Amino acid sequence: MSTEAPVRIFIMHPARPGAPWHVSVEGECPLALDSEAAAVDAALAKVRACETMGLATLVRKERPDGGWEAL
């Protein structure tokens, strides 16, 4: 593992019903996805890619109340 700061990945809850989920990775354009499952899958794919490069990751998922939980 790298001694650098971890790559931060955020899974953001839709702002309103029917709006897309978003996955945000530092230094990259956010992804808009149709479902929570698709957003989690995209975040985990990024985690796997980072791990193959020896990079640590920090993943947070927004709850409906606006708080964050670690994944």
C-alpha atoms as a PDB file:
ATOM      1  CA  MET A   1       0.000   0.000   0.000  1.00  0.00           C
ATOM      2  CA  SER A   2       1.035   3.566  -0.631  1.00  0.00           C
ATOM      3  CA  THR A   3       1.905   6.002   2.155  1.00  0.00           C
ATOM      4  CA  GLU A   4       0.090   8.763   0.252  1.00  0.00           C
ATOM      5  CA  ALA A   5      -3.327  10.038   1.309  1.00  0.00           C
ATOM      6  CA  PRO A   6      -6.092   7.655   0.235  1.00  0.00           C
ATOM      7  CA  VAL A   7      -8.150   8.264  -2.884  1.00  0.00           C
ATOM      8  CA  ARG A   8     -11.514   9.517  -1.639  1.00  0.00           C
ATOM      9  CA  ILE A   9     -14.626   8.130  -3.304  1.00  0.00           C
ATOM     10  CA  PHE A  10     -18.073   9.504  -2.458  1.00  0.00           C
ATOM     11  CA  ILE A  11     -21.426   7.934  -3.329  1.00  0.00           C
ATOM     12  CA  MET A  12     -24.015  10.694  -3.191  1.00  0.00           C
ATOM     13  CA  HIS A  13     -27.712  10.140  -2.540  1.00  0.00           C
ATOM     14  CA  PRO A  14     -30.093  11.702  -5.096  1.00  0.00           C
ATOM     15  CA  ALA A  15     -31.083  15.268  -4.261  1.00  0.00           C
ATOM     16  CA  ARG A  16     -34.716  14.487  -5.035  1.00  0.00           C
ATOM     17  CA  PRO A  17     -36.807  11.432  -5.960  1.00  0.00           C
ATOM     18  CA  GLY A  18     -36.025  10.225  -9.473  1.00  0.00           C
ATOM     19  CA  ALA A  19     -32.706  12.096  -9.669  1.00  0.00           C
ATOM     20  CA  PRO A  20     -29.544  10.090 -10.357  1.00  0.00           C
ATOM     21  CA  TRP A  21     -27.064   8.819  -7.810  1.00  0.00           C
ATOM     22  CA  HIS A  22     -23.565  10.275  -8.195  1.00  0.00           C
ATOM     23  CA  VAL A  23     -20.113   8.819  -7.639  1.00  0.00           C
ATOM     24  CA  SER A  24     -17.390  11.364  -7.138  1.00  0.00           C
ATOM     25  CA  VAL A  25     -13.671  10.540  -7.174  1.00  0.00           C
ATOM     26  CA  GLU A  26     -11.050  13.180  -6.463  1.00  0.00           C
ATOM     27  CA  GLY A  27      -9.712  14.655  -9.700  1.00  0.00           C
ATOM     28  CA  GLU A  28     -12.325  13.026 -11.943  1.00  0.00           C
ATOM     29  CA  CYS A  29     -15.680  14.082 -13.363  1.00  0.00           C
ATOM     30  CA  PRO A  30     -18.581  12.703 -11.272  1.00  0.00           C
ATOM     31  CA  LEU A  31     -20.567   9.786 -12.650  1.00  0.00           C
ATOM     32  CA  ALA A  32     -24.381   9.951 -12.710  1.00  0.00           C
ATOM     33  CA  LEU A  33     -26.039   6.560 -12.290  1.00  0.00           C
ATOM     34  CA  ASP A  34     -29.643   5.347 -12.301  1.00  0.00           C
ATOM     35  CA  SER A  35     -29.613   3.338  -9.070  1.00  0.00           C
ATOM     36  CA  GLU A  36     -27.949   2.916  -5.711  1.00  0.00           C
ATOM     37  CA  ALA A  37     -26.702  -0.526  -6.763  1.00  0.00           C
ATOM     38  CA  ALA A  38     -25.088   0.891  -9.919  1.00  0.00           C
ATOM     39  CA  ALA A  39     -23.434   3.657  -7.883  1.00  0.00           C
ATOM     40  CA  VAL A  40     -22.025   1.195  -5.346  1.00  0.00           C
ATOM     41  CA  ASP A  41     -20.798  -1.083  -8.165  1.00  0.00           C
ATOM     42  CA  ALA A  42     -19.048   1.872  -9.864  1.00  0.00           C
ATOM     43  CA  ALA A  43     -17.411   2.904  -6.589  1.00  0.00           C
ATOM     44  CA  LEU A  44     -16.217  -0.641  -5.909  1.00  0.00           C
ATOM     45  CA  ALA A  45     -14.811  -0.915  -9.446  1.00  0.00           C
ATOM     46  CA  LYS A  46     -12.783   2.231  -8.727  1.00  0.00           C
ATOM     47  CA  VAL A  47     -11.591   0.726  -5.426  1.00  0.00           C
ATOM     48  CA  ARG A  48     -10.392  -2.407  -7.255  1.00  0.00           C
ATOM     49  CA  ALA A  49      -8.589  -0.294  -9.861  1.00  0.00           C
ATOM     50  CA  CYS A  50      -6.869   1.756  -7.147  1.00  0.00           C
ATOM     51  CA  GLU A  51      -5.850  -1.373  -5.255  1.00  0.00           C
ATOM     52  CA  THR A  52      -4.161  -2.816  -8.339  1.00  0.00           C
ATOM     53  CA  MET A  53      -2.080   0.383  -8.494  1.00  0.00           C
ATOM     54  CA  GLY A  54      -1.192   0.086  -4.810  1.00  0.00           C
ATOM     55  CA  LEU A  55      -3.357   3.043  -3.777  1.00  0.00           C
ATOM     56  CA  ALA A  56      -5.423   3.144  -0.602  1.00  0.00           C
ATOM     57  CA  THR A  57      -9.043   4.252  -0.835  1.00  0.00           C
ATOM     58  CA  LEU A  58     -11.619   5.811   1.448  1.00  0.00           C
ATOM     59  CA  VAL A  59     -15.253   5.242   0.430  1.00  0.00           C
ATOM     60  CA  ARG A  60     -18.175   7.160   1.928  1.00  0.00           C
ATOM     61  CA  LYS A  61     -21.865   6.795   1.071  1.00  0.00           C
ATOM     62  CA  GLU A  62     -24.339   9.562   1.777  1.00  0.00           C
ATOM     63  CA  ARG A  63     -27.411   8.619   3.769  1.00  0.00           C
ATOM     64  CA  PRO A  64     -30.854  10.104   2.997  1.00  0.00           C
ATOM     65  CA  ASP A  65     -30.488  12.341   6.081  1.00  0.00           C
ATOM     66  CA  GLY A  66     -27.311  13.885   4.630  1.00  0.00           C
ATOM     67  CA  GLY A  67     -24.896  12.076   6.945  1.00  0.00           C
ATOM     68  CA  TRP A  68     -22.131   9.805   5.699  1.00  0.00           C
ATOM     69  CA  GLU A  69     -21.283   6.163   6.334  1.00  0.00           C
ATOM     70  CA  ALA A  70     -18.061   4.312   5.593  1.00  0.00           C
ATOM     71  CA  LEU A  71     -18.140   1.380   3.189  1.00  0.00           C
END
